């Protein structure tokens, strides 16, 4: 799909405020507590989704870590996390 400057990409996943997720600063690696704010889930819910494999991540010691690219891919393939038009 060709993008026109000044026109929003309506296929891009958006945050709860309607901005494309790619335009929000995200560190390369996120922890469960950071994901809870982004995904609007409780930290316990995020950890449960990580344990079950619904959210891709790795456990390192007592922390769950998720890469930015894995998070963006998860949001893109999960219809309930994409916001069409706020």
N, C-alpha and C. Protein backbone atom coordinates (compact mmCIF):
# COMPACT_ATOMS: atom_id res chain seq x y z
N UNK A 1 0.84 -1.16 0.00
CA UNK A 1 0.00 0.00 0.00
C UNK A 1 0.89 1.24 0.00
N UNK A 2 0.57 2.20 -0.81
CA UNK A 2 1.34 3.44 -0.88
C UNK A 2 0.80 4.44 0.12
N UNK A 3 1.72 5.08 0.85
CA UNK A 3 1.30 6.07 1.83
C UNK A 3 1.43 7.45 1.24
N UNK A 4 0.50 8.30 1.57
CA UNK A 4 0.55 9.69 1.17
C UNK A 4 0.94 10.51 2.38
N UNK A 5 1.93 11.39 2.23
CA UNK A 5 2.37 12.21 3.36
C UNK A 5 1.19 13.02 3.89
N UNK A 6 1.09 13.05 5.18
CA UNK A 6 0.02 13.79 5.82
C UNK A 6 -1.24 12.96 6.05
N UNK A 7 -1.31 11.80 5.44
CA UNK A 7 -2.48 10.92 5.60
C UNK A 7 -2.12 9.82 6.60
N UNK A 8 -2.97 9.56 7.60
CA UNK A 8 -2.65 8.52 8.56
C UNK A 8 -2.72 7.14 7.93
N UNK A 9 -1.89 6.24 8.43
CA UNK A 9 -1.91 4.86 7.99
C UNK A 9 -3.01 4.16 8.79
N UNK A 10 -4.16 3.94 8.19
CA UNK A 10 -5.30 3.37 8.92
C UNK A 10 -5.12 1.90 9.23
N UNK A 11 -4.13 1.23 8.63
CA UNK A 11 -3.89 -0.18 8.92
C UNK A 11 -2.92 -0.38 10.07
N UNK A 12 -2.29 0.68 10.55
CA UNK A 12 -1.30 0.56 11.62
C UNK A 12 -1.99 0.39 12.96
N UNK A 13 -1.43 -0.48 13.84
CA UNK A 13 -1.99 -0.59 15.18
C UNK A 13 -1.86 0.74 15.90
N UNK A 14 -2.85 1.07 16.72
CA UNK A 14 -2.82 2.35 17.42
C UNK A 14 -2.83 2.14 18.91
N UNK A 15 -2.36 3.15 19.62
CA UNK A 15 -2.43 3.13 21.07
C UNK A 15 -3.85 3.50 21.47
N UNK A 16 -4.12 3.51 22.74
CA UNK A 16 -5.45 3.88 23.21
C UNK A 16 -5.82 5.31 22.86
N UNK A 17 -4.84 6.14 22.52
CA UNK A 17 -5.13 7.53 22.19
C UNK A 17 -5.19 7.76 20.69
N UNK A 18 -5.19 6.71 19.89
CA UNK A 18 -5.34 6.85 18.46
C UNK A 18 -4.05 7.09 17.70
N UNK A 19 -2.90 7.20 18.40
CA UNK A 19 -1.64 7.39 17.70
C UNK A 19 -1.11 6.03 17.28
N UNK A 20 -0.49 5.94 16.09
CA UNK A 20 0.12 4.65 15.70
C UNK A 20 1.14 4.23 16.75
N UNK A 21 1.13 2.93 17.07
CA UNK A 21 2.03 2.41 18.10
C UNK A 21 3.48 2.70 17.73
N UNK A 22 3.80 2.65 16.43
CA UNK A 22 5.18 2.89 16.00
C UNK A 22 5.63 4.31 16.34
N UNK A 23 4.70 5.26 16.50
CA UNK A 23 5.08 6.63 16.78
C UNK A 23 5.33 6.88 18.26
N UNK A 24 4.99 5.93 19.11
CA UNK A 24 5.21 6.05 20.54
C UNK A 24 6.60 5.47 20.84
N UNK A 25 7.38 6.17 21.67
CA UNK A 25 8.70 5.64 22.01
C UNK A 25 8.53 4.38 22.82
N UNK A 26 9.14 3.31 22.36
CA UNK A 26 9.17 2.06 23.10
C UNK A 26 10.63 1.62 23.20
N UNK A 27 11.08 1.23 24.38
CA UNK A 27 12.44 0.71 24.49
C UNK A 27 12.56 -0.62 23.75
N UNK A 28 13.78 -1.05 23.49
CA UNK A 28 14.00 -2.31 22.77
C UNK A 28 13.46 -3.51 23.55
N UNK A 29 13.55 -3.47 24.86
CA UNK A 29 13.08 -4.55 25.72
C UNK A 29 12.12 -3.95 26.75
N UNK A 30 10.97 -4.61 26.93
CA UNK A 30 9.97 -4.15 27.90
C UNK A 30 9.74 -5.23 28.95
N UNK A 31 9.37 -4.81 30.15
CA UNK A 31 9.02 -5.75 31.22
C UNK A 31 7.49 -5.78 31.36
N UNK A 32 6.98 -6.74 32.11
CA UNK A 32 5.54 -6.95 32.24
C UNK A 32 4.82 -5.70 32.72
N UNK A 33 5.40 -4.96 33.63
CA UNK A 33 4.75 -3.76 34.16
C UNK A 33 4.59 -2.71 33.07
N UNK A 34 5.58 -2.58 32.19
CA UNK A 34 5.48 -1.63 31.08
C UNK A 34 4.42 -2.08 30.08
N UNK A 35 4.37 -3.39 29.84
CA UNK A 35 3.36 -3.93 28.91
C UNK A 35 1.95 -3.70 29.43
N UNK A 36 1.78 -3.76 30.73
CA UNK A 36 0.42 -3.60 31.28
C UNK A 36 -0.14 -2.23 30.93
N UNK A 37 0.69 -1.20 30.95
CA UNK A 37 0.21 0.13 30.57
C UNK A 37 -0.07 0.25 29.09
N UNK A 38 0.77 -0.37 28.28
CA UNK A 38 0.59 -0.30 26.83
C UNK A 38 -0.63 -1.08 26.39
N UNK A 39 -0.80 -2.28 26.94
CA UNK A 39 -1.89 -3.17 26.52
C UNK A 39 -3.17 -2.97 27.34
N UNK A 40 -3.10 -2.06 28.34
CA UNK A 40 -4.25 -1.81 29.22
C UNK A 40 -4.74 -3.08 29.89
N UNK A 41 -3.78 -3.81 30.46
CA UNK A 41 -4.06 -5.03 31.21
C UNK A 41 -3.40 -4.87 32.57
N UNK A 42 -3.82 -5.67 33.53
CA UNK A 42 -3.13 -5.66 34.81
C UNK A 42 -1.79 -6.36 34.65
N UNK A 43 -0.80 -6.04 35.50
CA UNK A 43 0.47 -6.76 35.43
C UNK A 43 0.29 -8.27 35.58
N UNK A 44 -0.63 -8.69 36.45
CA UNK A 44 -0.88 -10.13 36.63
C UNK A 44 -1.45 -10.74 35.35
N UNK A 45 -2.33 -10.01 34.67
CA UNK A 45 -2.90 -10.50 33.41
C UNK A 45 -1.84 -10.61 32.33
N UNK A 46 -0.92 -9.64 32.29
CA UNK A 46 0.17 -9.69 31.32
C UNK A 46 1.06 -10.90 31.60
N UNK A 47 1.40 -11.12 32.88
CA UNK A 47 2.24 -12.27 33.22
C UNK A 47 1.55 -13.58 32.88
N UNK A 48 0.24 -13.67 33.09
CA UNK A 48 -0.50 -14.88 32.73
C UNK A 48 -0.47 -15.10 31.22
N UNK A 49 -0.63 -14.02 30.44
CA UNK A 49 -0.58 -14.14 28.98
C UNK A 49 0.82 -14.52 28.51
N UNK A 50 1.84 -14.03 29.19
CA UNK A 50 3.22 -14.41 28.85
C UNK A 50 3.46 -15.88 29.16
N UNK A 51 2.99 -16.35 30.33
CA UNK A 51 3.17 -17.76 30.70
C UNK A 51 2.47 -18.69 29.72
N UNK A 52 1.28 -18.29 29.26
CA UNK A 52 0.51 -19.16 28.36
C UNK A 52 1.00 -19.07 26.91
N UNK A 53 1.83 -18.07 26.61
CA UNK A 53 2.33 -17.93 25.25
C UNK A 53 1.49 -17.02 24.37
N UNK A 54 0.41 -16.46 24.91
CA UNK A 54 -0.42 -15.55 24.11
C UNK A 54 0.35 -14.28 23.75
N UNK A 55 1.24 -13.85 24.64
CA UNK A 55 2.15 -12.74 24.36
C UNK A 55 3.54 -13.35 24.30
N UNK A 56 4.30 -13.10 23.23
CA UNK A 56 5.63 -13.69 23.12
C UNK A 56 6.62 -12.99 24.06
N UNK A 57 7.35 -13.78 24.83
CA UNK A 57 8.33 -13.21 25.74
C UNK A 57 9.21 -14.28 26.32
N UNK A 58 10.19 -13.85 27.09
CA UNK A 58 11.11 -14.77 27.75
C UNK A 58 11.22 -14.41 29.22
N UNK A 59 11.34 -15.44 30.01
CA UNK A 59 11.53 -15.22 31.44
C UNK A 59 13.02 -15.24 31.73
N UNK A 60 13.48 -14.20 32.38
CA UNK A 60 14.88 -14.09 32.78
C UNK A 60 14.87 -13.83 34.28
N UNK A 61 15.27 -14.83 35.03
CA UNK A 61 15.18 -14.73 36.49
C UNK A 61 13.72 -14.65 36.89
N UNK A 62 13.36 -13.58 37.58
CA UNK A 62 11.97 -13.41 38.00
C UNK A 62 11.19 -12.47 37.10
N UNK A 63 11.83 -11.96 36.05
CA UNK A 63 11.18 -10.97 35.17
C UNK A 63 10.85 -11.57 33.82
N UNK A 64 9.73 -11.11 33.27
CA UNK A 64 9.38 -11.42 31.90
C UNK A 64 9.84 -10.27 31.01
N UNK A 65 10.51 -10.60 29.91
CA UNK A 65 11.00 -9.60 28.97
C UNK A 65 10.38 -9.82 27.61
N UNK A 66 10.01 -8.74 26.95
CA UNK A 66 9.40 -8.79 25.62
C UNK A 66 10.12 -7.77 24.75
N UNK A 67 10.50 -8.19 23.54
CA UNK A 67 11.15 -7.25 22.63
C UNK A 67 10.10 -6.35 21.99
N UNK A 68 10.52 -5.16 21.62
CA UNK A 68 9.62 -4.21 20.96
C UNK A 68 9.05 -4.82 19.68
N UNK A 69 9.90 -5.48 18.88
CA UNK A 69 9.42 -6.05 17.62
C UNK A 69 8.39 -7.16 17.86
N UNK A 70 8.60 -7.97 18.91
CA UNK A 70 7.61 -9.02 19.23
C UNK A 70 6.29 -8.40 19.69
N UNK A 71 6.37 -7.31 20.46
CA UNK A 71 5.16 -6.64 20.92
C UNK A 71 4.39 -6.05 19.74
N UNK A 72 5.08 -5.36 18.84
CA UNK A 72 4.41 -4.76 17.68
C UNK A 72 3.79 -5.83 16.79
N UNK A 73 4.48 -6.97 16.62
CA UNK A 73 3.92 -8.07 15.83
C UNK A 73 2.68 -8.64 16.51
N UNK A 74 2.73 -8.76 17.84
CA UNK A 74 1.57 -9.28 18.60
C UNK A 74 0.37 -8.34 18.44
N UNK A 75 0.60 -7.05 18.55
CA UNK A 75 -0.48 -6.07 18.40
C UNK A 75 -1.05 -6.12 16.99
N UNK A 76 -0.19 -6.24 15.99
CA UNK A 76 -0.64 -6.25 14.60
C UNK A 76 -1.50 -7.47 14.28
N UNK A 77 -1.22 -8.61 14.93
CA UNK A 77 -1.98 -9.82 14.60
C UNK A 77 -3.15 -10.08 15.54
N UNK A 78 -3.36 -9.19 16.52
CA UNK A 78 -4.45 -9.36 17.48
C UNK A 78 -5.51 -8.30 17.24
N UNK A 79 -6.61 -8.67 16.57
CA UNK A 79 -7.62 -7.67 16.21
C UNK A 79 -8.17 -6.87 17.40
N UNK A 80 -8.30 -7.49 18.55
CA UNK A 80 -8.88 -6.77 19.70
C UNK A 80 -7.93 -5.69 20.23
N UNK A 81 -6.66 -5.72 19.86
CA UNK A 81 -5.70 -4.72 20.33
C UNK A 81 -5.56 -3.57 19.33
N UNK A 82 -6.06 -3.75 18.11
CA UNK A 82 -5.98 -2.69 17.12
C UNK A 82 -7.22 -1.83 17.24
N UNK A 83 -7.03 -0.54 17.15
CA UNK A 83 -8.15 0.40 17.23
C UNK A 83 -8.37 0.96 15.83
N UNK A 84 -9.57 0.81 15.30
CA UNK A 84 -9.83 1.23 13.94
C UNK A 84 -9.79 2.74 13.82
N UNK A 85 -10.78 3.42 14.32
CA UNK A 85 -10.81 4.89 14.32
C UNK A 85 -11.37 5.34 15.65
N UNK A 86 -10.57 6.09 16.43
CA UNK A 86 -11.04 6.50 17.76
C UNK A 86 -12.19 7.47 17.68
